[in-house]
Amino acid sequence: MVTSQTADVVVVGNGVLGLSVAVEIALRAPKTRVAVVGPTGRPMAATAAAGAMLNCFGEVTRYTDRHPVTRARFALAREALDAWPGWMETLADLAGPAVGKALRASYRTGTFVLLGARSGHVAADNFEAMRAAAERYDEPYELLGAADVDGLAPRPDARPLRVLHLHREGAVDARAVLAALEAAASRLGVRLVSGTVRELLAGAGAVRGVRLDGDGDTLTAGTVVLAAGAAGSALAETVLPPGAVPPMLFGTGASLLVQRTTTSGPGARQVMRTPNRAATCGLHVVPMADDGHQYIGATNVITTEPITGAELGSCHSLMRQVCEQFDHDLAFARVQRLMVGARPVPLDCFPLLGPCSLSGLVFATGTYRDGFHCSPALAPRLAATVLDPAVQDTDLQWFTPERMPIAVLTPDEALTDTVDHAVDTMSEQGMQLPFWVDGTPLREWVRRRIERLHEELGQPLALAPELIYPQFLAPKSTDSSCAATRLRRYLDAARTHYAPRLDAPARVSC
């Protein structure tokens, strides 16, 4: 039997960002009826599989200061870095003594960024960009030697060349944060609905609510917050014209929770990570508790369609590299859990935030790797927009959901960048060439494959390196022809939708 219920605000998605927005709304407007919809087990959710590192400067790359949109994203990350201690105390108090105690115990400050001996020049450039950004913004940091890092015990040939210690950055247990958010939401009167939204409901230019899977039950509401992560793109398409919003890709990542043994020693006491590089975020080890549990992450396979698990090759590479580059004694640790989640990755890699042309629909998705860290900065802004639609948040204007993909690099610059990442990644993975061969043949091979993609699309396109890798450089792992077809259809639809506003062909880049 189909039933219908009502609320003032329905939040679609029970990850960290959706729950944080719900809690903020309940704190600011206690009489507002808020419902959060999401499956209890959170299958393939990014938050449930996160570490979760609280890194702002640790995520800086050589392109962070290049463009206003990358600077705007960095400004949100800095705001969140300042907000996390206070936000965590608020959540701990709201959640109650037991849950709050577990949350506080999981919070650790200090991040060591390691530039390994096997790193290429992309990682070296990103490392220097981090240091320069910390210097420019007066962020506390130190440059250290490998011997200064507790728990660092790599293979001799993988010993880091440089170490950057970021004092204020660190990590918190994502599972503890989710538990605290759920407890806080319940205490504030937020209704938690276990289920999956099938479609958004709209009429007369405004959102009307959502329809659930199963019997098709509906939740009627004047405002819907779309915080469904990687599933948000398909839901948006149920009420918005084709091409209006950049498509969401699925950045599937695998991570491991391990238990150290007496053989493997105490290990790292603070976060250890490498700079970001293509096809994945930085390799990282996060201490989870004083009992020897550690989180190891992470992989990143980006696809146009959802996948149901982690690639064996990615997991093998993750385990091998973390033992070689961080701590060879981790080979003796006991694997407790394999976690897999899909990050929401828009085609241009920039988030979809704020209201759109459909009255009452507010986007809170597409945050890629930044959603967890930035949640204390984004939740208050989005809650303010929900409660007063007249609010114009100029800090989020770059991330308006209805847009052509944002251009940061030219197609040729993006092609060269992808080639650089590919060669560096191959070298880090252990590739060895004969002494009489340099990297030119590899560079030419990667370049030819990207040029072939441009031919299929009918135009050059500046995609981020990690979007190219799984789809078009490793066609055995995904159907590259189907991916190209879907991408071409979106571009055709976007050009048609935005034709009156376009002065030149679209270029997209991360």
Protein backbone atom coordinates (compact mmCIF):
# COMPACT_ATOMS: atom_id res chain seq x y z
CA MET A 1 0.00 0.00 0.00
CA VAL A 2 1.42 3.38 -1.04
CA THR A 3 1.56 5.95 1.74
CA SER A 4 2.36 9.65 1.78
CA GLN A 5 3.99 11.59 4.58
CA THR A 6 4.91 15.24 4.86
CA ALA A 7 7.86 17.28 6.07
CA ASP A 8 9.11 20.81 5.62
CA VAL A 9 12.54 19.67 4.44
CA VAL A 10 13.60 16.30 3.05
CA VAL A 11 17.34 15.60 2.93
CA VAL A 12 18.14 12.90 0.39
CA GLY A 13 21.25 11.11 1.66
CA ASN A 14 22.39 10.09 5.14
CA GLY A 15 26.13 10.64 4.71
CA VAL A 16 28.13 13.22 6.62
CA LEU A 17 27.03 16.19 4.53
CA GLY A 18 23.32 15.35 4.48
CA LEU A 19 23.19 14.68 8.22
CA SER A 20 25.26 17.80 8.98
CA VAL A 21 22.84 19.99 7.00
CA ALA A 22 19.89 18.40 8.82
CA VAL A 23 21.47 19.03 12.22
CA GLU A 24 22.23 22.65 11.31
CA ILE A 25 18.66 23.25 10.18
CA ALA A 26 17.30 21.71 13.38
CA LEU A 27 19.62 23.85 15.52
CA ARG A 28 18.65 27.07 13.74
CA ALA A 29 14.91 26.38 13.33
CA PRO A 30 13.71 23.81 15.89
CA LYS A 31 10.12 23.91 14.63
CA THR A 32 11.11 22.91 11.10
CA ARG A 33 10.11 19.34 10.30
CA VAL A 34 13.21 17.70 8.82
CA ALA A 35 13.45 14.15 7.44
CA VAL A 36 16.65 12.46 6.28
CA VAL A 37 16.27 9.55 3.84
CA GLY A 38 18.99 6.95 3.32
CA PRO A 39 19.57 3.20 3.65
CA THR A 40 20.65 2.11 7.12
CA GLY A 41 23.65 0.11 5.90
CA ARG A 42 24.86 2.88 3.54
CA PRO A 43 26.03 0.49 0.80
CA MET A 44 28.86 1.97 -1.28
CA ALA A 45 28.59 5.31 0.57
CA ALA A 46 31.75 7.43 0.55
CA THR A 47 31.42 8.53 4.20
CA ALA A 48 31.14 5.00 5.57
CA ALA A 49 34.42 4.01 3.90
CA ALA A 50 36.34 7.21 4.69
CA GLY A 51 39.44 7.51 6.92
CA ALA A 52 38.69 10.33 7.47
CA MET A 53 41.56 12.75 7.03
CA LEU A 54 40.94 16.38 7.94
CA ASN A 55 43.37 17.79 5.43
CA CYS A 56 43.29 21.21 3.83
CA PHE A 57 46.91 22.07 3.06
CA GLY A 58 47.60 18.35 2.65
CA GLU A 59 45.26 18.40 -0.40
CA VAL A 60 46.97 21.35 -2.13
CA THR A 61 48.32 20.71 -5.62
CA ARG A 62 50.26 22.74 -8.15
CA TYR A 63 46.92 23.95 -9.57
CA THR A 64 45.26 25.12 -6.32
CA ASP A 65 46.25 28.76 -6.78
CA ARG A 66 45.80 28.81 -10.55
CA HIS A 67 42.14 29.78 -10.96
CA PRO A 68 39.42 31.56 -8.92
CA VAL A 69 37.38 28.34 -8.66
CA THR A 70 40.28 26.35 -7.20
CA ARG A 71 40.98 29.20 -4.79
CA ALA A 72 37.31 29.24 -3.77
CA ARG A 73 37.41 25.50 -3.04
CA PHE A 74 40.60 25.95 -1.00
CA ALA A 75 38.99 28.79 0.98
CA LEU A 76 36.15 26.45 2.02
CA ALA A 77 38.70 23.84 3.10
CA ARG A 78 40.54 26.42 5.23
CA GLU A 79 37.25 27.50 6.81
CA ALA A 80 36.48 23.87 7.65
CA LEU A 81 39.94 23.32 9.15
CA ASP A 82 39.24 26.15 11.58
CA ALA A 83 35.70 24.92 12.28
CA TRP A 84 36.34 21.22 13.02
CA PRO A 85 37.35 21.45 16.72
CA GLY A 86 34.28 23.48 17.66
CA TRP A 87 31.95 21.45 15.45
CA MET A 88 33.17 18.24 17.01
CA GLU A 89 32.51 19.54 20.51
CA THR A 90 29.01 20.61 19.45
CA LEU A 91 28.29 17.16 18.02
CA ALA A 92 29.75 15.39 21.06
CA ASP A 93 27.55 17.41 23.40
CA LEU A 94 24.43 16.86 21.28
CA ALA A 95 25.04 13.14 20.83
CA GLY A 96 25.22 12.26 24.51
CA PRO A 97 28.01 11.06 26.84
CA ALA A 98 28.83 7.64 25.37
CA VAL A 99 28.73 8.59 21.67
CA GLY A 100 30.40 11.93 22.39
CA LYS A 101 33.24 10.26 24.27
CA ALA A 102 33.92 7.91 21.34
CA LEU A 103 33.93 10.83 18.93
CA ARG A 104 36.38 12.89 20.99
CA ALA A 105 38.66 9.87 21.45
CA SER A 106 38.87 9.31 17.68
CA TYR A 107 40.08 12.85 16.88
CA ARG A 108 43.84 13.15 16.27
CA THR A 109 45.87 16.13 15.12
CA GLY A 110 49.08 16.09 13.11
CA THR A 111 49.73 14.99 9.53
CA PHE A 112 53.05 13.99 7.99
CA VAL A 113 53.18 14.45 4.22
CA LEU A 114 55.92 12.25 2.75
CA LEU A 115 57.63 12.86 -0.56
CA GLY A 116 58.93 9.39 -1.29
CA ALA A 117 62.04 8.38 -3.18
CA ARG A 118 59.82 6.80 -5.83
CA SER A 119 57.76 9.94 -6.40
CA GLY A 120 57.83 11.69 -9.75
CA HIS A 121 57.94 15.37 -10.48
CA VAL A 122 54.13 15.79 -10.18
CA ALA A 123 54.23 14.72 -6.52
CA ALA A 124 57.32 16.89 -5.98
CA ASP A 125 55.50 19.91 -7.44
CA ASN A 126 52.46 19.25 -5.24
CA PHE A 127 54.65 18.86 -2.15
CA GLU A 128 56.29 22.23 -2.79
CA ALA A 129 52.86 23.79 -3.45
CA MET A 130 51.72 22.57 0.00
CA ARG A 131 54.75 24.06 1.70
CA ALA A 132 54.35 27.35 -0.16
CA ALA A 133 50.65 27.54 0.74
CA ALA A 134 51.36 26.86 4.42
CA GLU A 135 53.97 29.62 4.36
CA ARG A 136 51.66 32.07 2.57
CA TYR A 137 48.75 31.55 4.98
CA ASP A 138 50.84 31.32 8.19
CA GLU A 139 49.80 27.70 8.73
CA PRO A 140 52.04 26.00 11.35
CA TYR A 141 54.36 23.46 9.71
CA GLU A 142 57.82 21.95 9.87
CA LEU A 143 60.14 20.36 7.36
CA LEU A 144 61.54 17.21 8.98
CA GLY A 145 63.74 14.24 8.23
CA ALA A 146 62.49 10.67 7.97
CA ALA A 147 64.01 9.83 11.36
CA ASP A 148 61.71 12.38 13.01
CA VAL A 149 58.51 10.51 12.10
CA ASP A 150 57.36 7.93 14.66
CA GLY A 151 56.17 4.74 13.05
CA LEU A 152 57.83 5.38 9.68
CA ALA A 153 59.75 2.27 8.63
CA PRO A 154 59.80 2.02 4.81
CA ARG A 155 62.00 -0.09 2.59
CA PRO A 156 65.41 1.57 2.26
CA ASP A 157 64.85 2.36 -1.43
CA ALA A 158 61.49 4.05 -0.66
CA ARG A 159 62.64 6.27 2.21
CA PRO A 160 61.08 9.76 1.90
CA LEU A 161 63.22 12.55 0.53
CA ARG A 162 61.29 15.28 2.37
CA VAL A 163 58.68 15.35 5.14
CA LEU A 164 56.18 18.16 5.77
CA HIS A 165 54.55 18.14 9.22
CA LEU A 166 51.20 19.96 9.33
CA HIS A 167 50.41 20.50 13.00
CA ARG A 168 46.67 21.33 12.85
CA GLU A 169 45.59 18.74 10.31
CA GLY A 170 44.76 15.18 11.26
CA ALA A 171 41.88 12.73 11.19
CA VAL A 172 38.72 11.56 12.92
CA ASP A 173 36.93 8.22 12.71
CA ALA A 174 34.19 8.61 10.08
CA ARG A 175 32.09 5.92 11.77
CA ALA A 176 32.22 7.84 15.05
CA VAL A 177 31.17 11.04 13.28
CA LEU A 178 28.22 9.31 11.60
CA ALA A 179 27.11 7.84 14.94
CA ALA A 180 27.32 11.27 16.58
CA LEU A 181 25.41 12.95 13.73
CA GLU A 182 22.63 10.36 13.88
CA ALA A 183 22.35 10.67 17.65
CA ALA A 184 22.37 14.47 17.48
CA ALA A 185 19.77 14.51 14.71
CA SER A 186 17.45 12.20 16.64
CA ARG A 187 17.75 14.29 19.80
CA LEU A 188 16.92 17.42 17.78
CA GLY A 189 13.76 15.85 16.37
CA VAL A 190 15.02 15.03 12.88
CA ARG A 191 13.21 12.01 11.41
CA LEU A 192 15.58 9.34 10.05
CA VAL A 193 13.91 7.35 7.28
CA SER A 194 15.55 4.10 6.20
CA GLY A 195 15.11 3.81 2.45
CA THR A 196 16.34 4.86 -0.97
CA VAL A 197 14.86 7.69 -3.02
CA ARG A 198 13.80 6.56 -6.49
CA GLU A 199 12.93 9.98 -7.94
CA LEU A 200 12.31 13.59 -7.08
CA LEU A 201 8.80 14.98 -7.45
CA ALA A 202 8.16 18.38 -9.00
CA GLY A 203 5.39 20.48 -10.51
CA ALA A 204 4.71 24.09 -11.48
CA GLY A 205 8.40 24.97 -11.37
CA ALA A 206 8.95 23.75 -7.80
CA VAL A 207 10.04 20.58 -6.04
CA ARG A 208 7.23 18.72 -4.29
CA GLY A 209 8.99 15.90 -2.46
CA VAL A 210 10.46 12.47 -3.16
CA ARG A 211 9.31 8.97 -4.06
CA LEU A 212 10.94 5.97 -2.36
CA ASP A 213 11.90 2.59 -3.73
CA GLY A 214 9.83 -0.43 -2.82
CA ASP A 215 6.13 0.36 -2.60
CA GLY A 216 6.61 3.87 -3.98
CA ASP A 217 5.85 5.71 -0.74
CA THR A 218 6.20 9.48 -1.00
CA LEU A 219 7.50 12.20 1.26
CA THR A 220 5.97 15.56 0.43
CA ALA A 221 8.06 18.64 1.19
CA GLY A 222 8.53 22.20 0.01
CA THR A 223 12.32 21.84 0.12
CA VAL A 224 14.52 18.93 -0.90
CA VAL A 225 18.26 18.87 -0.18
CA LEU A 226 20.01 16.59 -2.65
CA ALA A 227 22.91 15.11 -0.67
CA ALA A 228 22.85 11.65 -2.25
CA GLY A 229 26.52 11.60 -3.25
CA ALA A 230 27.28 9.83 -6.50
CA ALA A 231 23.59 8.94 -6.95
CA GLY A 232 22.63 12.62 -7.06
CA SER A 233 23.15 13.03 -10.79
CA ALA A 234 20.53 10.44 -11.76
CA LEU A 235 18.03 11.94 -9.28
CA ALA A 236 18.58 15.46 -10.61
CA GLU A 237 17.85 14.21 -14.12
CA THR A 238 14.34 13.23 -13.02
CA VAL A 239 13.34 16.90 -12.66
CA LEU A 240 15.88 19.01 -14.59
CA PRO A 241 16.47 19.22 -18.36
CA PRO A 242 19.18 17.04 -19.97
CA GLY A 243 22.58 18.72 -19.88
CA ALA A 244 21.60 21.25 -17.20
CA VAL A 245 23.89 19.77 -14.52
CA PRO A 246 27.34 18.20 -15.04
CA PRO A 247 27.06 14.42 -14.79
CA MET A 248 28.26 12.69 -11.65
CA LEU A 249 30.88 9.99 -11.96
CA PHE A 250 31.60 7.25 -9.44
CA GLY A 251 35.02 7.42 -7.75
CA THR A 252 35.13 3.98 -6.16
CA GLY A 253 37.73 3.67 -3.43
CA ALA A 254 38.82 0.75 -1.29
CA SER A 255 40.40 0.96 2.14
CA LEU A 256 41.46 -1.44 4.88
CA LEU A 257 41.05 -1.45 8.63
CA VAL A 258 43.88 -3.46 10.16
CA GLN A 259 44.93 -4.48 13.66
CA ARG A 260 48.61 -4.26 14.41
CA THR A 261 50.19 -7.13 16.36
CA THR A 262 53.14 -7.31 18.71
CA THR A 263 55.16 -8.40 15.68
CA SER A 264 54.21 -5.29 13.72
CA GLY A 265 54.88 -2.82 16.56
CA PRO A 266 52.88 0.30 17.53
CA GLY A 267 53.14 2.01 14.14
CA ALA A 268 52.18 5.60 13.26
CA ARG A 269 50.72 7.86 15.94
CA GLN A 270 49.70 10.59 13.51
CA VAL A 271 48.44 10.58 9.93
CA MET A 272 51.04 9.70 7.31
CA ARG A 273 50.24 10.43 3.68
CA THR A 274 51.73 11.24 0.29
CA PRO A 275 50.75 14.13 -1.99
CA ASN A 276 47.75 13.59 -4.26
CA ARG A 277 48.44 11.96 -7.59
CA ALA A 278 46.35 10.79 -10.53
CA ALA A 279 44.06 7.78 -10.24
CA THR A 280 43.96 8.10 -6.45
CA CYS A 281 44.26 10.47 -3.54
CA GLY A 282 47.49 10.33 -1.62
CA LEU A 283 48.43 7.01 -0.07
CA HIS A 284 47.71 7.25 3.66
CA VAL A 285 47.80 5.51 7.03
CA VAL A 286 45.51 6.82 9.77
CA PRO A 287 45.82 5.64 13.41
CA MET A 288 42.28 4.89 14.57
CA ALA A 289 42.72 4.05 18.26
CA ASP A 290 45.32 3.40 20.93
CA ASP A 291 44.69 -0.35 20.60
CA GLY A 292 46.65 -0.62 17.34
CA HIS A 293 43.89 -0.26 14.79
CA GLN A 294 44.92 1.61 11.66
CA TYR A 295 43.11 2.68 8.52
CA ILE A 296 44.92 2.23 5.19
CA GLY A 297 43.74 4.04 2.08
CA ALA A 298 42.91 4.54 -0.58
CA THR A 299 42.24 3.65 -4.17
CA ASN A 300 40.20 5.62 -6.69
CA VAL A 301 38.69 4.09 -9.83
CA ILE A 302 36.42 6.58 -11.59
CA THR A 303 33.70 5.20 -13.84
CA THR A 304 30.59 6.55 -15.55
CA GLU A 305 28.46 3.77 -14.08
CA PRO A 306 28.47 2.39 -10.50
CA ILE A 307 30.55 -0.68 -9.78
CA THR A 308 29.86 -3.09 -6.95
CA GLY A 309 33.28 -3.60 -5.42
CA ALA A 310 36.98 -2.86 -5.45
CA GLU A 311 39.37 -3.97 -8.18
CA LEU A 312 41.76 -6.69 -7.07
CA GLY A 313 44.68 -4.96 -8.78
CA SER A 314 43.99 -1.67 -6.98
CA CYS A 315 43.82 -3.41 -3.59
CA HIS A 316 47.02 -5.33 -4.30
CA SER A 317 48.79 -2.10 -5.26
CA LEU A 318 47.51 -0.32 -2.14
CA MET A 319 48.76 -3.03 0.24
CA ARG A 320 52.11 -3.36 -1.47
CA GLN A 321 52.80 0.37 -1.61
CA VAL A 322 51.82 1.11 1.97
CA CYS A 323 54.16 -1.60 3.25
CA GLU A 324 57.02 -0.48 1.00
CA GLN A 325 56.70 3.30 1.38
CA PHE A 326 55.40 3.69 4.95
CA ASP A 327 55.95 0.71 7.19
CA HIS A 328 57.11 -2.75 6.14
CA ASP A 329 55.89 -4.14 9.50
CA LEU A 330 52.31 -3.53 8.34
CA ALA A 331 52.73 -6.75 6.39
CA PHE A 332 52.23 -8.55 9.72
CA ALA A 333 49.05 -6.65 10.66
CA ARG A 334 45.72 -8.47 10.64
CA VAL A 335 43.08 -7.28 8.16
CA GLN A 336 39.84 -6.62 10.05
CA ARG A 337 37.70 -5.10 7.34
CA LEU A 338 37.72 -4.12 3.67
CA MET A 339 35.65 -0.97 3.08
CA VAL A 340 34.45 0.21 -0.33
CA GLY A 341 32.65 3.45 -1.17
CA ALA A 342 31.95 5.63 -4.19
CA ARG A 343 32.97 9.29 -4.08
CA PRO A 344 30.70 11.71 -6.00
CA VAL A 345 32.83 13.16 -8.83
CA PRO A 346 31.29 15.74 -11.21
CA LEU A 347 32.76 15.82 -14.71
CA ASP A 348 34.76 18.96 -13.88
CA CYS A 349 35.62 17.73 -10.34
CA PHE A 350 34.01 20.76 -8.66
CA PRO A 351 31.07 20.45 -6.22
CA LEU A 352 27.41 21.12 -6.94
CA LEU A 353 26.19 23.36 -4.13
CA GLY A 354 23.19 25.57 -3.52
CA PRO A 355 19.82 26.26 -5.17
CA CYS A 356 18.90 25.75 -8.82
CA SER A 357 16.17 26.88 -11.23
CA LEU A 358 13.67 24.44 -9.70
CA SER A 359 12.32 26.23 -6.65
CA GLY A 360 13.00 24.40 -3.38
CA LEU A 361 15.70 22.06 -4.72
CA VAL A 362 19.09 22.61 -3.05
CA PHE A 363 22.20 20.67 -4.09
CA ALA A 364 24.75 19.40 -1.53
CA THR A 365 26.80 16.92 -3.50
CA GLY A 366 29.66 16.43 -5.94
CA THR A 367 32.28 17.15 -3.28
CA TYR A 368 34.67 14.42 -4.52
CA ARG A 369 37.34 14.04 -1.77
CA ASP A 370 36.38 17.21 0.12
CA GLY A 371 32.90 16.45 1.44
CA PHE A 372 33.83 15.01 4.81
CA HIS A 373 36.47 17.61 5.64
CA CYS A 374 34.39 20.56 4.38
CA SER A 375 31.11 19.54 6.04
CA PRO A 376 31.44 21.98 9.01
CA ALA A 377 31.88 24.85 6.52
CA LEU A 378 29.23 23.76 4.02
CA ALA A 379 26.43 22.71 6.40
CA PRO A 380 25.84 26.19 7.92
CA ARG A 381 25.85 27.81 4.48
CA LEU A 382 23.42 25.31 2.98
CA ALA A 383 21.16 25.39 6.04
CA ALA A 384 20.96 29.18 5.73
CA THR A 385 19.95 28.82 2.08
CA VAL A 386 17.26 26.26 2.95
CA LEU A 387 15.76 28.43 5.69
CA ASP A 388 15.89 31.63 3.64
CA PRO A 389 15.93 31.07 -0.14
CA ALA A 390 16.68 34.77 -0.62
CA VAL A 391 20.15 34.25 0.85
CA GLN A 392 22.85 34.72 -1.80
CA ASP A 393 26.04 32.97 -0.71
CA THR A 394 28.70 34.55 -2.91
CA ASP A 395 31.35 32.12 -1.66
CA LEU A 396 29.44 29.28 -3.34
CA GLN A 397 28.65 31.06 -6.61
CA TRP A 398 31.32 29.12 -8.53
CA PHE A 399 29.63 25.86 -7.56
CA THR A 400 26.13 26.58 -8.80
CA PRO A 401 24.67 23.21 -9.86
CA GLU A 402 23.37 24.37 -13.24
CA ARG A 403 26.46 25.16 -15.26
CA MET A 404 28.65 24.10 -18.08
CA PRO A 405 31.69 22.22 -16.71
CA ILE A 406 34.26 24.67 -15.34
CA ALA A 407 37.44 25.19 -17.35
CA VAL A 408 40.75 25.51 -15.50
CA LEU A 409 43.17 24.12 -18.10
CA THR A 410 43.10 24.17 -21.87
CA PRO A 411 42.64 20.77 -23.56
CA ASP A 412 46.30 20.71 -24.54
CA GLU A 413 47.45 21.59 -21.02
CA ALA A 414 45.20 18.87 -19.59
CA LEU A 415 46.56 16.34 -22.08
CA THR A 416 50.15 17.13 -21.07
CA ASP A 417 49.17 16.96 -17.39
CA THR A 418 47.62 13.51 -17.87
CA VAL A 419 50.75 12.29 -19.63
CA ASP A 420 52.88 13.54 -16.72
CA HIS A 421 50.69 11.75 -14.16
CA ALA A 422 50.63 8.54 -16.18
CA VAL A 423 54.40 8.29 -16.49
CA ASP A 424 54.92 9.16 -12.81
CA THR A 425 52.35 6.59 -11.72
CA MET A 426 53.88 3.86 -13.86
CA SER A 427 57.29 4.57 -12.35
CA GLU A 428 55.90 4.51 -8.81
CA GLN A 429 54.25 1.17 -9.58
CA GLY A 430 57.67 -0.29 -10.31
CA MET A 431 58.01 0.09 -14.06
CA GLN A 432 61.62 -0.22 -15.23
CA LEU A 433 62.79 0.56 -18.76
CA PRO A 434 66.00 -0.59 -20.45
CA PHE A 435 68.85 1.86 -19.98
CA TRP A 436 68.70 2.94 -23.63
CA VAL A 437 64.97 3.90 -23.47
CA ASP A 438 63.65 7.06 -21.82
CA GLY A 439 59.99 7.78 -21.07
CA THR A 440 59.20 9.10 -24.55
CA PRO A 441 57.47 5.95 -25.87
CA LEU A 442 55.20 5.86 -22.81
CA ARG A 443 54.34 9.53 -23.15
CA GLU A 444 53.51 9.04 -26.81
CA TRP A 445 51.34 6.01 -26.02
CA VAL A 446 49.28 7.94 -23.44
CA ARG A 447 49.00 10.97 -25.72
CA ARG A 448 47.74 8.84 -28.63
CA ARG A 449 45.02 7.24 -26.50
CA ILE A 450 43.76 10.64 -25.31
CA GLU A 451 43.82 12.02 -28.86
CA ARG A 452 41.76 8.99 -29.91
CA LEU A 453 39.21 9.90 -27.23
CA HIS A 454 39.07 13.47 -28.57
CA GLU A 455 38.35 12.06 -32.02
CA GLU A 456 35.47 9.97 -30.64
CA LEU A 457 34.01 13.04 -28.90
CA GLY A 458 34.44 15.25 -31.94
CA GLN A 459 36.34 17.91 -29.98
CA PRO A 460 39.33 18.23 -27.65
CA LEU A 461 38.32 18.04 -24.00
CA ALA A 462 40.29 18.91 -20.88
CA LEU A 463 39.48 16.04 -18.54
CA ALA A 464 41.32 15.52 -15.25
CA PRO A 465 43.95 12.74 -15.32
CA GLU A 466 42.07 10.46 -12.93
CA LEU A 467 38.99 10.59 -15.19
CA ILE A 468 41.09 9.40 -18.12
CA TYR A 469 42.89 6.50 -16.39
CA PRO A 470 40.22 3.85 -15.75
CA GLN A 471 37.96 4.75 -18.65
CA PHE A 472 40.37 5.20 -21.52
CA LEU A 473 43.87 4.02 -20.57
CA ALA A 474 42.78 0.71 -19.06
CA PRO A 475 39.94 -0.41 -21.34
CA LYS A 476 40.03 -3.97 -19.94
CA SER A 477 38.67 -2.71 -16.63
CA THR A 478 35.76 -0.70 -18.08
CA ASP A 479 33.90 -0.28 -21.35
CA SER A 480 35.67 2.79 -22.75
CA SER A 481 33.46 2.90 -25.85
CA CYS A 482 30.27 3.15 -23.76
CA ALA A 483 31.88 5.76 -21.51
CA ALA A 484 32.80 7.89 -24.52
CA THR A 485 29.26 7.54 -25.89
CA ARG A 486 27.72 8.69 -22.60
CA LEU A 487 30.13 11.60 -22.40
CA ARG A 488 29.36 12.67 -25.97
CA ARG A 489 25.61 12.54 -25.30
CA TYR A 490 25.98 14.74 -22.24
CA LEU A 491 28.12 17.29 -24.10
CA ASP A 492 25.60 17.47 -26.93
CA ALA A 493 22.76 17.98 -24.44
CA ALA A 494 24.71 20.60 -22.47
CA ARG A 495 25.57 22.58 -25.60
CA THR A 496 21.91 22.53 -26.64
CA HIS A 497 20.72 23.58 -23.17
CA TYR A 498 23.25 26.38 -22.75
CA ALA A 499 23.52 27.39 -26.42
CA PRO A 500 22.29 30.98 -25.88
CA ARG A 501 25.05 31.58 -23.30
CA LEU A 502 27.97 29.93 -25.07
CA ASP A 503 30.53 32.01 -26.92
CA ALA A 504 32.95 29.09 -27.47
CA PRO A 505 33.04 25.28 -27.19
CA ALA A 506 33.08 23.94 -23.66
CA ARG A 507 36.36 22.96 -22.04
CA VAL A 508 36.38 21.05 -18.81
CA SER A 509 39.13 20.35 -16.35
CA CYS A 510 39.69 19.45 -12.75
